[in-house]
C-alpha atoms as a PDB file:
ATOM      1  CA  MET A   1     -13.399 -12.472  12.377  1.00  0.00           C
ATOM      2  CA  VAL A   2     -14.012 -14.443   9.233  1.00  0.00           C
ATOM      3  CA  THR A   3     -13.424 -11.388   7.053  1.00  0.00           C
ATOM      4  CA  GLN A   4      -9.984 -10.868   8.581  1.00  0.00           C
ATOM      5  CA  GLN A   5      -9.080 -14.526   8.019  1.00  0.00           C
ATOM      6  CA  ALA A   6     -10.187 -14.318   4.396  1.00  0.00           C
ATOM      7  CA  LEU A   7      -8.103 -11.191   3.819  1.00  0.00           C
ATOM      8  CA  THR A   8      -5.073 -12.796   5.443  1.00  0.00           C
ATOM      9  CA  SER A   9      -5.464 -15.895   3.263  1.00  0.00           C
ATOM     10  CA  LEU A  10      -5.815 -13.713   0.183  1.00  0.00           C
ATOM     11  CA  ASN A  11      -2.670 -11.819   1.153  1.00  0.00           C
ATOM     12  CA  ASN A  12      -0.791 -15.113   1.577  1.00  0.00           C
ATOM     13  CA  ILE A  13      -1.955 -16.229  -1.869  1.00  0.00           C
ATOM     14  CA  VAL A  14      -0.708 -12.983  -3.420  1.00  0.00           C
ATOM     15  CA  GLN A  15       2.671 -13.377  -1.692  1.00  0.00           C
ATOM     16  CA  GLY A  16       2.894 -16.994  -2.858  1.00  0.00           C
ATOM     17  CA  VAL A  17       2.167 -15.959  -6.427  1.00  0.00           C
ATOM     18  CA  GLN A  18       4.820 -13.238  -6.293  1.00  0.00           C
ATOM     19  CA  LYS A  19       7.407 -15.688  -4.923  1.00  0.00           C
ATOM     20  CA  SER A  20       6.793 -18.396  -7.520  1.00  0.00           C
ATOM     21  CA  LYS A  21       6.464 -15.959 -10.452  1.00  0.00           C
ATOM     22  CA  PRO A  22       4.106 -18.095 -12.552  1.00  0.00           C
ATOM     23  CA  GLU A  23       4.975 -18.083 -16.255  1.00  0.00           C
ATOM     24  CA  THR A  24       1.561 -19.113 -17.504  1.00  0.00           C
ATOM     25  CA  PHE A  25      -2.014 -18.459 -16.498  1.00  0.00           C
ATOM     26  CA  ASN A  26      -2.439 -22.170 -15.701  1.00  0.00           C
ATOM     27  CA  GLN A  27       0.451 -22.044 -13.243  1.00  0.00           C
ATOM     28  CA  LEU A  28      -1.120 -18.995 -11.636  1.00  0.00           C
ATOM     29  CA  ILE A  29      -4.432 -20.826 -11.181  1.00  0.00           C
ATOM     30  CA  GLU A  30      -2.600 -23.859  -9.772  1.00  0.00           C
ATOM     31  CA  ILE A  31      -0.770 -21.732  -7.192  1.00  0.00           C
ATOM     32  CA  ILE A  32      -4.015 -20.052  -6.127  1.00  0.00           C
ATOM     33  CA  ILE A  33      -5.838 -23.387  -5.802  1.00  0.00           C
ATOM     34  CA  ASN A  34      -2.975 -24.859  -3.755  1.00  0.00           C
ATOM     35  CA  SER A  35      -2.981 -21.822  -1.485  1.00  0.00           C
ATOM     36  CA  VAL A  36      -6.738 -22.001  -1.017  1.00  0.00           C
ATOM     37  CA  ASN A  37      -6.492 -25.697  -0.173  1.00  0.00           C
ATOM     38  CA  LYS A  38      -3.812 -24.981   2.447  1.00  0.00           C
ATOM     39  CA  ALA A  39      -5.895 -22.178   3.935  1.00  0.00           C
ATOM     40  CA  ALA A  40      -8.972 -24.408   4.102  1.00  0.00           C
ATOM     41  CA  MET A  41      -7.201 -27.149   6.068  1.00  0.00           C
END
């Protein structure tokens, strides 16, 4: 299901953010965008 895939991707983004511990809001946005791009491929 698409919903399940979206939730999984979102979970991966959250985990990625926690791992990289962004110091600024811009870094946070960058990590999210990179994660979304990976998920979309």
